Protein backbone atom coordinates (compact mmCIF):
# COMPACT_ATOMS: atom_id res chain seq x y z
CA MET A 1 -44.21 -29.11 -36.98
CA LYS A 2 -42.20 -25.96 -37.72
CA LYS A 3 -39.67 -26.82 -35.00
CA LEU A 4 -39.40 -30.38 -36.32
CA ILE A 5 -38.63 -29.12 -39.83
CA GLN A 6 -36.03 -26.70 -38.45
CA ARG A 7 -34.35 -29.46 -36.44
CA LEU A 8 -34.24 -31.74 -39.49
CA LEU A 9 -32.76 -28.99 -41.66
CA ILE A 10 -30.08 -28.22 -39.05
CA PHE A 11 -29.22 -31.91 -38.90
CA ILE A 12 -29.26 -32.53 -42.67
CA ILE A 13 -27.34 -29.37 -43.57
CA GLY A 14 -25.35 -28.67 -40.43
CA LEU A 15 -23.84 -32.10 -39.83
CA PRO A 16 -22.27 -32.43 -43.32
CA LEU A 17 -20.87 -28.90 -43.03
CA VAL A 18 -19.31 -29.68 -39.66
CA ALA A 19 -17.95 -32.98 -41.04
CA ALA A 20 -16.41 -31.12 -43.99
CA VAL A 21 -14.68 -28.64 -41.67
CA VAL A 22 -13.38 -31.44 -39.44
CA LEU A 23 -12.16 -33.73 -42.22
CA PHE A 24 -11.06 -31.39 -44.99
CA LEU A 25 -9.62 -28.34 -43.19
CA PRO A 26 -6.69 -29.74 -41.21
CA TYR A 27 -4.58 -26.60 -41.75
CA ARG A 28 -2.48 -25.68 -38.70
CA GLY A 29 -3.70 -28.40 -36.41
CA HIS A 30 -7.36 -28.03 -37.36
CA LEU A 31 -7.34 -24.29 -36.73
CA ALA A 32 -10.83 -24.01 -38.28
CA VAL A 33 -12.24 -26.43 -35.68
CA ASN A 34 -10.50 -24.55 -32.89
CA ILE A 35 -11.87 -21.22 -34.08
CA LEU A 36 -15.37 -22.70 -34.09
CA VAL A 37 -14.83 -23.95 -30.53
CA ILE A 38 -13.70 -20.48 -29.45
CA LEU A 39 -16.66 -18.84 -31.18
CA PHE A 40 -19.23 -21.21 -29.68
CA SER A 41 -17.61 -20.89 -26.25
CA ALA A 42 -17.86 -17.11 -26.47
CA LEU A 43 -21.50 -17.14 -27.54
CA GLY A 44 -22.32 -19.81 -24.98
CA ALA A 45 -20.70 -17.75 -22.22
CA LEU A 46 -22.76 -14.70 -23.20
CA GLU A 47 -25.95 -16.77 -23.06
CA PHE A 48 -24.90 -18.20 -19.71
CA THR A 49 -24.57 -14.68 -18.31
CA VAL A 50 -28.23 -14.11 -19.15
CA ILE A 51 -29.18 -17.27 -17.24
CA LEU A 52 -27.03 -16.22 -14.27
CA GLY A 53 -28.38 -12.68 -14.39
CA LYS A 54 -31.90 -13.95 -13.82
CA LYS A 55 -30.72 -15.04 -10.35
CA GLY A 56 -28.84 -11.83 -9.59
CA ALA A 57 -25.33 -12.99 -10.55
CA VAL A 58 -24.44 -10.22 -13.00
CA ILE A 59 -21.24 -9.71 -14.97
CA HIS A 60 -20.55 -7.38 -17.89
CA PRO A 61 -20.94 -9.15 -21.28
CA ALA A 62 -17.47 -8.06 -22.42
CA GLU A 63 -15.90 -9.64 -19.34
CA ALA A 64 -17.98 -12.78 -19.84
CA LEU A 65 -16.90 -13.06 -23.47
CA ILE A 66 -13.21 -12.81 -22.60
CA LEU A 67 -13.48 -15.21 -19.67
CA GLY A 68 -15.46 -17.66 -21.78
CA ILE A 69 -12.75 -17.98 -24.44
CA LEU A 70 -9.67 -17.99 -22.19
CA GLY A 71 -9.53 -21.79 -21.99
CA PRO A 72 -10.02 -22.79 -25.64
CA ALA A 73 -8.11 -19.79 -27.03
CA SER A 74 -5.04 -20.40 -24.85
CA LEU A 75 -4.96 -24.11 -25.72
CA THR A 76 -5.32 -23.24 -29.42
CA ALA A 77 -1.99 -21.44 -29.14
CA ALA A 78 -0.39 -24.82 -28.49
CA ALA A 79 -2.62 -26.96 -30.72
CA SER A 80 -2.53 -24.82 -33.86
CA PHE A 81 0.64 -22.76 -33.50
CA GLY A 82 2.92 -25.10 -31.57
CA LEU A 83 3.63 -22.62 -28.78
CA LYS A 84 4.97 -24.45 -25.74
CA PHE A 85 4.41 -21.68 -23.19
CA PRO A 86 1.84 -22.75 -20.50
CA PHE A 87 -0.84 -20.36 -21.73
CA LEU A 88 -3.80 -22.31 -20.33
CA PRO A 89 -3.04 -22.15 -16.58
CA ILE A 90 -1.68 -18.61 -16.88
CA ALA A 91 -4.76 -17.38 -18.77
CA CYS A 92 -7.18 -18.96 -16.30
CA THR A 93 -5.19 -17.62 -13.34
CA LEU A 94 -5.17 -14.10 -14.80
CA GLY A 95 -8.91 -14.32 -15.42
CA ALA A 96 -9.59 -15.32 -11.82
CA LEU A 97 -7.16 -12.65 -10.59
CA TRP A 98 -9.02 -9.98 -12.54
CA LEU A 99 -12.31 -11.02 -10.98
CA LEU A 100 -10.84 -10.86 -7.48
CA VAL A 101 -9.03 -7.52 -7.69
CA SER A 102 -11.05 -5.47 -10.19
CA GLY A 103 -13.85 -4.91 -7.69
CA ILE A 104 -11.52 -3.33 -5.15
CA PHE A 105 -11.64 0.05 -6.87
CA ARG A 106 -15.38 0.13 -7.49
CA PRO A 107 -17.58 2.65 -5.67
CA ALA A 108 -18.68 1.54 -2.21
CA GLU A 109 -22.31 1.29 -3.33
CA ALA A 110 -21.32 -1.29 -5.97
CA LEU A 111 -19.61 -3.64 -3.52
CA GLY A 112 -22.92 -5.32 -2.71
CA ALA A 113 -22.58 -7.27 -5.98
CA TYR A 114 -18.89 -8.11 -5.46
CA THR A 115 -19.35 -11.77 -4.51
CA THR A 116 -22.09 -12.46 -7.06
CA ARG A 117 -19.95 -10.93 -9.83
CA ILE A 118 -17.03 -13.17 -8.86
CA ALA A 119 -19.35 -16.19 -8.82
CA ALA A 120 -20.73 -15.30 -12.26
CA GLY A 121 -17.24 -14.70 -13.65
CA CYS A 122 -15.85 -17.99 -12.38
CA SER A 123 -18.91 -19.76 -13.76
CA VAL A 124 -18.46 -18.46 -17.31
CA LEU A 125 -14.72 -19.14 -17.09
CA ILE A 126 -15.53 -22.80 -16.46
CA TYR A 127 -18.72 -23.32 -18.48
CA PRO A 128 -18.72 -23.80 -21.37
CA GLY A 129 -15.11 -22.78 -22.11
CA LEU A 130 -13.07 -25.16 -19.95
CA PHE A 131 -15.30 -28.04 -20.99
CA MET A 132 -15.16 -27.14 -24.69
CA LEU A 133 -11.36 -26.93 -24.70
CA TRP A 134 -11.32 -30.74 -24.63
CA VAL A 135 -12.44 -30.57 -28.27
CA VAL A 136 -9.33 -28.47 -28.93
CA ARG A 137 -7.32 -31.20 -27.19
CA MET A 138 -8.75 -33.70 -29.68
CA THR A 139 -7.18 -31.72 -32.54
CA MET A 140 -3.77 -32.61 -31.06
CA LEU A 141 -4.37 -36.36 -31.42
CA PRO A 142 -3.21 -38.53 -34.35
CA ARG A 143 -5.98 -38.82 -36.98
CA ALA A 144 -7.67 -35.91 -35.22
CA GLY A 145 -10.27 -35.37 -37.95
CA VAL A 146 -11.60 -38.91 -37.69
CA VAL A 147 -11.53 -38.84 -33.89
CA ILE A 148 -13.48 -35.56 -33.68
CA LEU A 149 -16.00 -36.76 -36.25
CA VAL A 150 -16.66 -39.96 -34.29
CA PHE A 151 -17.11 -37.91 -31.12
CA LEU A 152 -19.54 -35.50 -32.76
CA LEU A 153 -21.52 -38.39 -34.24
CA MET A 154 -21.78 -39.97 -30.77
CA VAL A 155 -23.25 -36.74 -29.42
CA PHE A 156 -25.47 -35.66 -32.33
CA ILE A 157 -26.87 -39.10 -33.12
CA ASN A 158 -27.47 -39.55 -29.40
CA ASP A 159 -29.57 -36.39 -29.33
CA SER A 160 -31.53 -37.27 -32.47
CA ALA A 161 -32.15 -40.87 -31.42
CA ALA A 162 -33.23 -39.79 -27.93
CA TRP A 163 -35.71 -37.35 -29.43
CA ALA A 164 -37.07 -39.85 -31.98
CA VAL A 165 -37.36 -42.81 -29.59
CA GLY A 166 -38.78 -40.60 -26.86
CA THR A 167 -41.40 -39.21 -29.24
CA LEU A 168 -42.46 -42.64 -30.50
CA PHE A 169 -42.21 -44.78 -27.38
CA GLY A 170 -41.63 -42.53 -24.39
CA LYS A 171 -45.07 -41.29 -23.43
CA GLY A 172 -45.36 -43.68 -20.50
CA SER A 173 -41.90 -43.02 -19.07
CA ARG A 174 -41.72 -39.24 -18.98
CA GLY A 175 -41.35 -37.02 -15.96
CA ILE A 176 -38.65 -39.11 -14.28
CA VAL A 177 -36.21 -36.17 -14.38
CA LYS A 178 -38.07 -33.16 -12.99
CA VAL A 179 -35.83 -30.52 -14.57
CA SER A 180 -36.86 -31.78 -18.02
CA PRO A 181 -40.24 -33.51 -17.67
CA ASN A 182 -40.68 -34.10 -21.41
CA LYS A 183 -37.61 -36.33 -21.53
CA SER A 184 -38.31 -40.05 -21.15
CA VAL A 185 -36.48 -43.16 -20.04
CA ALA A 186 -37.14 -44.63 -23.50
CA GLY A 187 -35.49 -41.57 -25.06
CA PHE A 188 -32.46 -41.85 -22.80
CA ALA A 189 -32.10 -45.52 -23.70
CA GLY A 190 -32.41 -44.76 -27.41
CA GLY A 191 -29.77 -42.03 -27.23
CA ILE A 192 -27.28 -44.12 -25.30
CA GLY A 193 -27.91 -47.08 -27.61
CA ALA A 194 -27.12 -44.87 -30.61
CA SER A 195 -23.85 -43.70 -29.03
CA ILE A 196 -22.88 -47.31 -28.36
CA LEU A 197 -23.53 -48.20 -32.00
CA ILE A 198 -21.27 -45.33 -33.09
CA GLY A 199 -18.59 -46.57 -30.69
CA LEU A 200 -18.80 -50.10 -32.08
CA GLY A 201 -18.92 -48.80 -35.64
CA ALA A 202 -15.77 -46.74 -35.05
CA GLU A 203 -13.87 -49.95 -34.32
CA VAL A 204 -15.12 -51.55 -37.52
CA PHE A 205 -15.06 -48.65 -39.98
CA ALA A 206 -12.76 -45.98 -38.48
CA GLY A 207 -9.86 -48.15 -37.36
CA PHE A 208 -10.30 -47.64 -33.62
CA THR A 209 -8.30 -50.57 -32.22
CA SER A 210 -7.83 -51.15 -28.51
CA THR A 211 -5.32 -53.50 -26.93
CA ARG A 212 -6.61 -52.77 -23.42
CA LEU A 213 -10.23 -53.94 -23.57
CA PRO A 214 -12.23 -55.88 -26.19
CA ALA A 215 -15.36 -53.88 -25.34
CA ALA A 216 -13.66 -50.47 -25.60
CA GLY A 217 -16.03 -49.21 -28.29
CA LEU A 218 -19.08 -50.23 -26.30
CA LEU A 219 -17.78 -48.61 -23.10
CA THR A 220 -16.69 -45.43 -24.88
CA GLY A 221 -20.09 -45.08 -26.52
CA LEU A 222 -21.92 -45.84 -23.28
CA CYS A 223 -20.01 -43.32 -21.16
CA THR A 224 -19.96 -40.61 -23.84
CA GLY A 225 -23.68 -41.07 -24.45
CA MET A 226 -24.46 -40.81 -20.75
CA ALA A 227 -22.30 -37.69 -20.43
CA ALA A 228 -24.07 -36.10 -23.42
CA ILE A 229 -27.47 -36.70 -21.79
CA LEU A 230 -26.24 -35.34 -18.46
CA GLY A 231 -24.96 -32.23 -20.24
CA ASP A 232 -28.40 -31.64 -21.74
CA LEU A 233 -30.10 -32.17 -18.39
CA ALA A 234 -27.63 -29.94 -16.54
CA GLU A 235 -28.39 -27.05 -18.87
CA SER A 236 -32.11 -27.75 -18.50
CA ALA A 237 -31.70 -27.44 -14.74
CA LEU A 238 -29.92 -24.09 -15.15
CA LYS A 239 -32.67 -22.77 -17.41
CA ARG A 240 -35.50 -24.03 -15.20
CA CYS A 241 -33.85 -22.48 -12.15
CA SER A 242 -33.74 -19.14 -13.99
CA GLY A 243 -37.22 -19.43 -15.47
CA ILE A 244 -36.30 -19.41 -19.16
CA LYS A 245 -37.12 -21.89 -21.92
CA ASP A 246 -34.17 -21.48 -24.30
CA SER A 247 -30.72 -19.99 -23.76
CA GLY A 248 -31.09 -17.94 -26.96
CA VAL A 249 -32.53 -17.83 -30.47
CA LEU A 250 -29.47 -18.16 -32.74
CA ILE A 251 -30.00 -21.81 -33.74
CA PRO A 252 -33.38 -22.44 -35.46
CA GLY A 253 -35.24 -25.38 -33.96
CA ARG A 254 -32.82 -25.70 -31.04
CA GLY A 255 -32.79 -22.32 -29.33
CA GLY A 256 -29.46 -20.84 -28.37
CA VAL A 257 -25.82 -21.80 -28.75
CA LEU A 258 -25.72 -23.17 -25.21
CA ASP A 259 -28.72 -25.36 -26.05
CA THR A 260 -26.66 -26.79 -28.90
CA ILE A 261 -23.29 -27.34 -27.21
CA ASP A 262 -24.49 -28.40 -23.74
CA SER A 263 -24.09 -32.10 -24.55
CA ILE A 264 -20.81 -31.56 -26.39
CA ALA A 265 -19.33 -29.67 -23.44
CA LEU A 266 -19.84 -32.41 -20.86
CA ALA A 267 -19.19 -35.31 -23.21
CA ALA A 268 -15.91 -33.96 -24.64
CA PRO A 269 -13.66 -34.64 -21.60
CA VAL A 270 -15.23 -38.08 -21.09
CA PHE A 271 -14.67 -39.12 -24.70
CA TYR A 272 -11.15 -37.67 -24.84
CA LEU A 273 -9.95 -39.43 -21.70
CA LEU A 274 -11.49 -42.75 -22.72
CA TYR A 275 -10.01 -42.48 -26.21
CA ARG A 276 -6.56 -41.74 -24.80
CA PHE A 277 -6.82 -44.68 -22.42
CA PHE A 278 -8.18 -47.25 -24.87
CA TYR A 279 -6.79 -46.28 -28.26
CA THR A 280 -3.43 -44.50 -27.79
């Protein structure tokens, strides 16, 4: 019951706050949104290092933090400050270069962890940072505030509907996905259905108009909803592999930051690409 109350409070209080930031703070290409993406990517990367460390892939937290924000921070330079220099590929290349060459000068006894450190570093460079930077890309679109809000609703309502439908009707269809045995087919269907409704509603109420496909809203909601669920399951697999329940404790009722942004991370590129194809 305590966790339920915490989840409801996060939803009731957190969602309006996020909506206010997205809609009413457009200063410098939604710099506030981009800073939040950078912050959550950094915290998510730090939590991911703990998960990786359980399996022997260890990297220093300071390195993980820097690698985790390289993607979204470098793209923010273009999105919020209009800088045309190709910061993103250069930043990611320099991050990978550091991982490859910095171990050369370590003591011989430390070289046993050379490959696992590189693997951990490349992992936090990619996840969640390079997935989350697609939210920064959304801030560069026309009507970015509305677009981002629709995306976040697709993900958050998906999660809430999946939980509610799974709790009420999913007892007989659980255990299908072994990495998250409490999740049910009924819950998955409820979550995807909610995302589809948001997609259809965006065409009616948010002015999403497609000249390419009449069912663009339905398809966008369907694919984004499926990606959100896969993001949740992927993180569940990582945690189960490492023998931990939650990635952290920063978000009451949800666990860690990575537990909160796992669906956003995988759904963001799917939604962005579909939106660009159908609506721009």
